[in-house]
Amino acid sequence: MKGARDISPLGVRLPDSLKARLQQESKKNGRSLNSEIVMILQSYIEQIDNPESINGLADKEAERFKEALLETLKSMYGKEK
């Protein structure tokens, strides 16, 4: 992971209940709240990039189909106006 000076800060508004739950998880896992959130986001992105479940694979393939369909429709009916 990059050094703290090389990482852009990001302000995120969270509902109090979600923040409390994330704090519980971070404490349980021995991480800071920031580190816990980063780990969760990284895990989610990795799951999207490398789906191990049928739902992840279906989501990825649905997105590919959508992109292909849009390109086909654009070529058939011309570019968006």
N, C-alpha and C. Protein backbone atom coordinates (compact mmCIF):
# COMPACT_ATOMS: atom_id res chain seq x y z
N MET A 1 0.83 -1.17 0.00
CA MET A 1 0.00 0.00 0.00
C MET A 1 0.88 1.24 0.00
N LYS A 2 0.42 2.29 -0.63
CA LYS A 2 1.18 3.53 -0.71
C LYS A 2 1.35 4.14 0.68
N GLY A 3 2.33 5.02 0.79
CA GLY A 3 2.50 5.77 2.02
C GLY A 3 1.35 6.75 2.19
N ALA A 4 1.11 7.17 3.40
CA ALA A 4 -0.03 8.05 3.69
C ALA A 4 0.03 9.34 2.89
N ARG A 5 1.23 9.83 2.61
CA ARG A 5 1.34 11.07 1.85
C ARG A 5 0.97 10.90 0.38
N ASP A 6 0.99 9.68 -0.11
CA ASP A 6 0.68 9.41 -1.51
C ASP A 6 -0.78 9.03 -1.74
N ILE A 7 -1.58 9.04 -0.68
CA ILE A 7 -2.98 8.65 -0.79
C ILE A 7 -3.85 9.88 -0.62
N SER A 8 -4.75 10.08 -1.58
CA SER A 8 -5.65 11.23 -1.52
C SER A 8 -6.71 11.00 -0.46
N PRO A 9 -6.96 12.01 0.38
CA PRO A 9 -8.03 11.87 1.37
C PRO A 9 -9.39 11.92 0.69
N LEU A 10 -10.36 11.26 1.28
CA LEU A 10 -11.71 11.21 0.73
C LEU A 10 -12.70 11.33 1.89
N GLY A 11 -13.47 12.38 1.88
CA GLY A 11 -14.49 12.54 2.92
C GLY A 11 -15.75 11.79 2.50
N VAL A 12 -16.24 10.94 3.37
CA VAL A 12 -17.44 10.16 3.08
C VAL A 12 -18.42 10.33 4.24
N ARG A 13 -19.66 10.59 3.91
CA ARG A 13 -20.70 10.69 4.94
C ARG A 13 -21.33 9.32 5.11
N LEU A 14 -21.36 8.86 6.36
CA LEU A 14 -21.93 7.55 6.67
C LEU A 14 -23.06 7.70 7.68
N PRO A 15 -24.10 6.91 7.52
CA PRO A 15 -25.11 6.88 8.59
C PRO A 15 -24.45 6.41 9.89
N ASP A 16 -24.91 6.93 11.01
CA ASP A 16 -24.32 6.58 12.30
C ASP A 16 -24.31 5.07 12.54
N SER A 17 -25.38 4.39 12.15
CA SER A 17 -25.46 2.95 12.38
C SER A 17 -24.40 2.19 11.58
N LEU A 18 -24.14 2.63 10.34
CA LEU A 18 -23.12 1.99 9.52
C LEU A 18 -21.74 2.25 10.09
N LYS A 19 -21.50 3.48 10.51
CA LYS A 19 -20.20 3.81 11.10
C LYS A 19 -19.95 2.98 12.35
N ALA A 20 -20.97 2.83 13.19
CA ALA A 20 -20.82 2.03 14.42
C ALA A 20 -20.50 0.58 14.08
N ARG A 21 -21.17 0.05 13.07
CA ARG A 21 -20.93 -1.35 12.66
C ARG A 21 -19.52 -1.51 12.12
N LEU A 22 -19.06 -0.56 11.31
CA LEU A 22 -17.70 -0.60 10.78
C LEU A 22 -16.67 -0.49 11.91
N GLN A 23 -16.97 0.34 12.90
CA GLN A 23 -16.06 0.46 14.04
C GLN A 23 -15.98 -0.86 14.81
N GLN A 24 -17.11 -1.54 14.96
CA GLN A 24 -17.11 -2.86 15.63
C GLN A 24 -16.22 -3.84 14.87
N GLU A 25 -16.38 -3.88 13.55
CA GLU A 25 -15.59 -4.80 12.73
C GLU A 25 -14.11 -4.45 12.77
N SER A 26 -13.80 -3.15 12.72
CA SER A 26 -12.40 -2.75 12.73
C SER A 26 -11.75 -3.13 14.06
N LYS A 27 -12.47 -2.95 15.16
CA LYS A 27 -11.94 -3.33 16.47
C LYS A 27 -11.74 -4.83 16.55
N LYS A 28 -12.73 -5.58 16.07
CA LYS A 28 -12.65 -7.05 16.08
C LYS A 28 -11.45 -7.54 15.27
N ASN A 29 -11.16 -6.85 14.17
CA ASN A 29 -10.08 -7.26 13.27
C ASN A 29 -8.74 -6.60 13.58
N GLY A 30 -8.71 -5.75 14.62
CA GLY A 30 -7.46 -5.11 15.02
C GLY A 30 -6.95 -4.09 14.01
N ARG A 31 -7.88 -3.40 13.35
CA ARG A 31 -7.50 -2.40 12.37
C ARG A 31 -8.13 -1.07 12.73
N SER A 32 -7.59 -0.01 12.14
CA SER A 32 -8.23 1.30 12.27
C SER A 32 -9.50 1.29 11.42
N LEU A 33 -10.37 2.23 11.69
CA LEU A 33 -11.59 2.35 10.90
C LEU A 33 -11.26 2.56 9.43
N ASN A 34 -10.30 3.42 9.15
CA ASN A 34 -9.88 3.67 7.77
C ASN A 34 -9.39 2.39 7.10
N SER A 35 -8.52 1.65 7.80
CA SER A 35 -7.98 0.41 7.22
C SER A 35 -9.08 -0.60 6.97
N GLU A 36 -10.04 -0.67 7.87
CA GLU A 36 -11.15 -1.62 7.70
C GLU A 36 -11.95 -1.27 6.45
N ILE A 37 -12.25 0.01 6.27
CA ILE A 37 -13.01 0.44 5.10
C ILE A 37 -12.24 0.16 3.82
N VAL A 38 -10.93 0.43 3.83
CA VAL A 38 -10.10 0.16 2.65
C VAL A 38 -10.11 -1.34 2.34
N MET A 39 -9.98 -2.18 3.36
CA MET A 39 -9.98 -3.64 3.16
C MET A 39 -11.30 -4.11 2.55
N ILE A 40 -12.41 -3.57 3.06
CA ILE A 40 -13.73 -3.95 2.54
C ILE A 40 -13.86 -3.54 1.08
N LEU A 41 -13.45 -2.32 0.76
CA LEU A 41 -13.55 -1.85 -0.62
C LEU A 41 -12.65 -2.63 -1.56
N GLN A 42 -11.41 -2.91 -1.12
CA GLN A 42 -10.50 -3.70 -1.95
C GLN A 42 -11.06 -5.09 -2.21
N SER A 43 -11.61 -5.70 -1.18
CA SER A 43 -12.19 -7.03 -1.32
C SER A 43 -13.34 -7.02 -2.32
N TYR A 44 -14.18 -6.00 -2.25
CA TYR A 44 -15.30 -5.89 -3.17
C TYR A 44 -14.82 -5.75 -4.61
N ILE A 45 -13.85 -4.89 -4.84
CA ILE A 45 -13.33 -4.68 -6.19
C ILE A 45 -12.67 -5.95 -6.72
N GLU A 46 -11.91 -6.65 -5.88
CA GLU A 46 -11.29 -7.90 -6.30
C GLU A 46 -12.34 -8.94 -6.67
N GLN A 47 -13.44 -8.96 -5.93
CA GLN A 47 -14.52 -9.90 -6.23
C GLN A 47 -15.14 -9.58 -7.59
N ILE A 48 -15.28 -8.30 -7.90
CA ILE A 48 -15.82 -7.91 -9.20
C ILE A 48 -14.86 -8.32 -10.32
N ASP A 49 -13.55 -8.07 -10.11
CA ASP A 49 -12.56 -8.37 -11.12
C ASP A 49 -12.32 -9.87 -11.29
N ASN A 50 -12.46 -10.62 -10.22
CA ASN A 50 -12.22 -12.07 -10.24
C ASN A 50 -13.37 -12.78 -9.54
N PRO A 51 -14.52 -12.85 -10.19
CA PRO A 51 -15.69 -13.42 -9.52
C PRO A 51 -15.49 -14.90 -9.21
N GLU A 52 -15.75 -15.25 -7.97
CA GLU A 52 -15.63 -16.64 -7.56
C GLU A 52 -17.00 -17.27 -7.40
N SER A 53 -18.02 -16.45 -7.34
CA SER A 53 -19.36 -16.97 -7.16
C SER A 53 -20.14 -16.83 -8.47
N ILE A 54 -21.18 -17.57 -8.57
CA ILE A 54 -22.02 -17.51 -9.78
C ILE A 54 -22.67 -16.14 -9.92
N ASN A 55 -23.02 -15.50 -8.79
CA ASN A 55 -23.61 -14.17 -8.86
C ASN A 55 -22.61 -13.15 -9.38
N GLY A 56 -21.37 -13.24 -8.93
CA GLY A 56 -20.35 -12.33 -9.40
C GLY A 56 -20.10 -12.50 -10.89
N LEU A 57 -20.04 -13.75 -11.31
CA LEU A 57 -19.84 -14.03 -12.73
C LEU A 57 -21.03 -13.52 -13.55
N ALA A 58 -22.24 -13.74 -13.05
CA ALA A 58 -23.43 -13.27 -13.77
C ALA A 58 -23.42 -11.75 -13.89
N ASP A 59 -23.06 -11.05 -12.82
CA ASP A 59 -22.99 -9.59 -12.87
C ASP A 59 -21.97 -9.11 -13.89
N LYS A 60 -20.82 -9.75 -13.91
CA LYS A 60 -19.77 -9.35 -14.84
C LYS A 60 -20.20 -9.60 -16.29
N GLU A 61 -20.80 -10.75 -16.54
CA GLU A 61 -21.25 -11.07 -17.90
C GLU A 61 -22.41 -10.19 -18.32
N ALA A 62 -23.29 -9.82 -17.39
CA ALA A 62 -24.40 -8.93 -17.72
C ALA A 62 -23.88 -7.57 -18.15
N GLU A 63 -22.84 -7.09 -17.48
CA GLU A 63 -22.24 -5.81 -17.85
C GLU A 63 -21.61 -5.89 -19.24
N ARG A 64 -20.94 -6.99 -19.54
CA ARG A 64 -20.36 -7.16 -20.88
C ARG A 64 -21.45 -7.19 -21.95
N PHE A 65 -22.54 -7.90 -21.66
CA PHE A 65 -23.66 -7.98 -22.61
C PHE A 65 -24.25 -6.59 -22.84
N LYS A 66 -24.43 -5.82 -21.78
CA LYS A 66 -24.98 -4.47 -21.88
C LYS A 66 -24.11 -3.60 -22.78
N GLU A 67 -22.79 -3.67 -22.57
CA GLU A 67 -21.87 -2.87 -23.39
C GLU A 67 -21.94 -3.29 -24.85
N ALA A 68 -21.98 -4.58 -25.11
CA ALA A 68 -22.05 -5.07 -26.49
C ALA A 68 -23.36 -4.66 -27.14
N LEU A 69 -24.45 -4.76 -26.41
CA LEU A 69 -25.76 -4.37 -26.94
C LEU A 69 -25.79 -2.88 -27.28
N LEU A 70 -25.27 -2.06 -26.39
CA LEU A 70 -25.24 -0.62 -26.66
C LEU A 70 -24.42 -0.30 -27.89
N GLU A 71 -23.28 -0.93 -28.06
CA GLU A 71 -22.45 -0.71 -29.25
C GLU A 71 -23.19 -1.15 -30.51
N THR A 72 -23.89 -2.27 -30.44
CA THR A 72 -24.65 -2.76 -31.60
C THR A 72 -25.76 -1.77 -31.96
N LEU A 73 -26.48 -1.31 -30.95
CA LEU A 73 -27.56 -0.36 -31.21
C LEU A 73 -27.03 0.95 -31.78
N LYS A 74 -25.90 1.42 -31.28
CA LYS A 74 -25.30 2.64 -31.81
C LYS A 74 -24.93 2.47 -33.27
N SER A 75 -24.37 1.31 -33.61
CA SER A 75 -23.96 1.09 -35.00
C SER A 75 -25.19 0.94 -35.91
N MET A 76 -26.28 0.40 -35.38
CA MET A 76 -27.49 0.21 -36.19
C MET A 76 -28.25 1.52 -36.38
N TYR A 77 -28.33 2.32 -35.34
CA TYR A 77 -29.18 3.52 -35.38
C TYR A 77 -28.40 4.83 -35.37
N GLY A 78 -27.11 4.75 -35.45
CA GLY A 78 -26.31 5.96 -35.46
C GLY A 78 -25.92 6.37 -34.04
N LYS A 79 -25.05 7.32 -33.99
CA LYS A 79 -24.56 7.80 -32.69
C LYS A 79 -25.65 8.55 -31.96
N GLU A 80 -25.47 8.66 -30.63
CA GLU A 80 -26.42 9.39 -29.80
C GLU A 80 -26.45 10.86 -30.23
N LYS A 81 -27.60 11.46 -30.15
CA LYS A 81 -27.77 12.87 -30.56
C LYS A 81 -27.68 13.77 -29.38
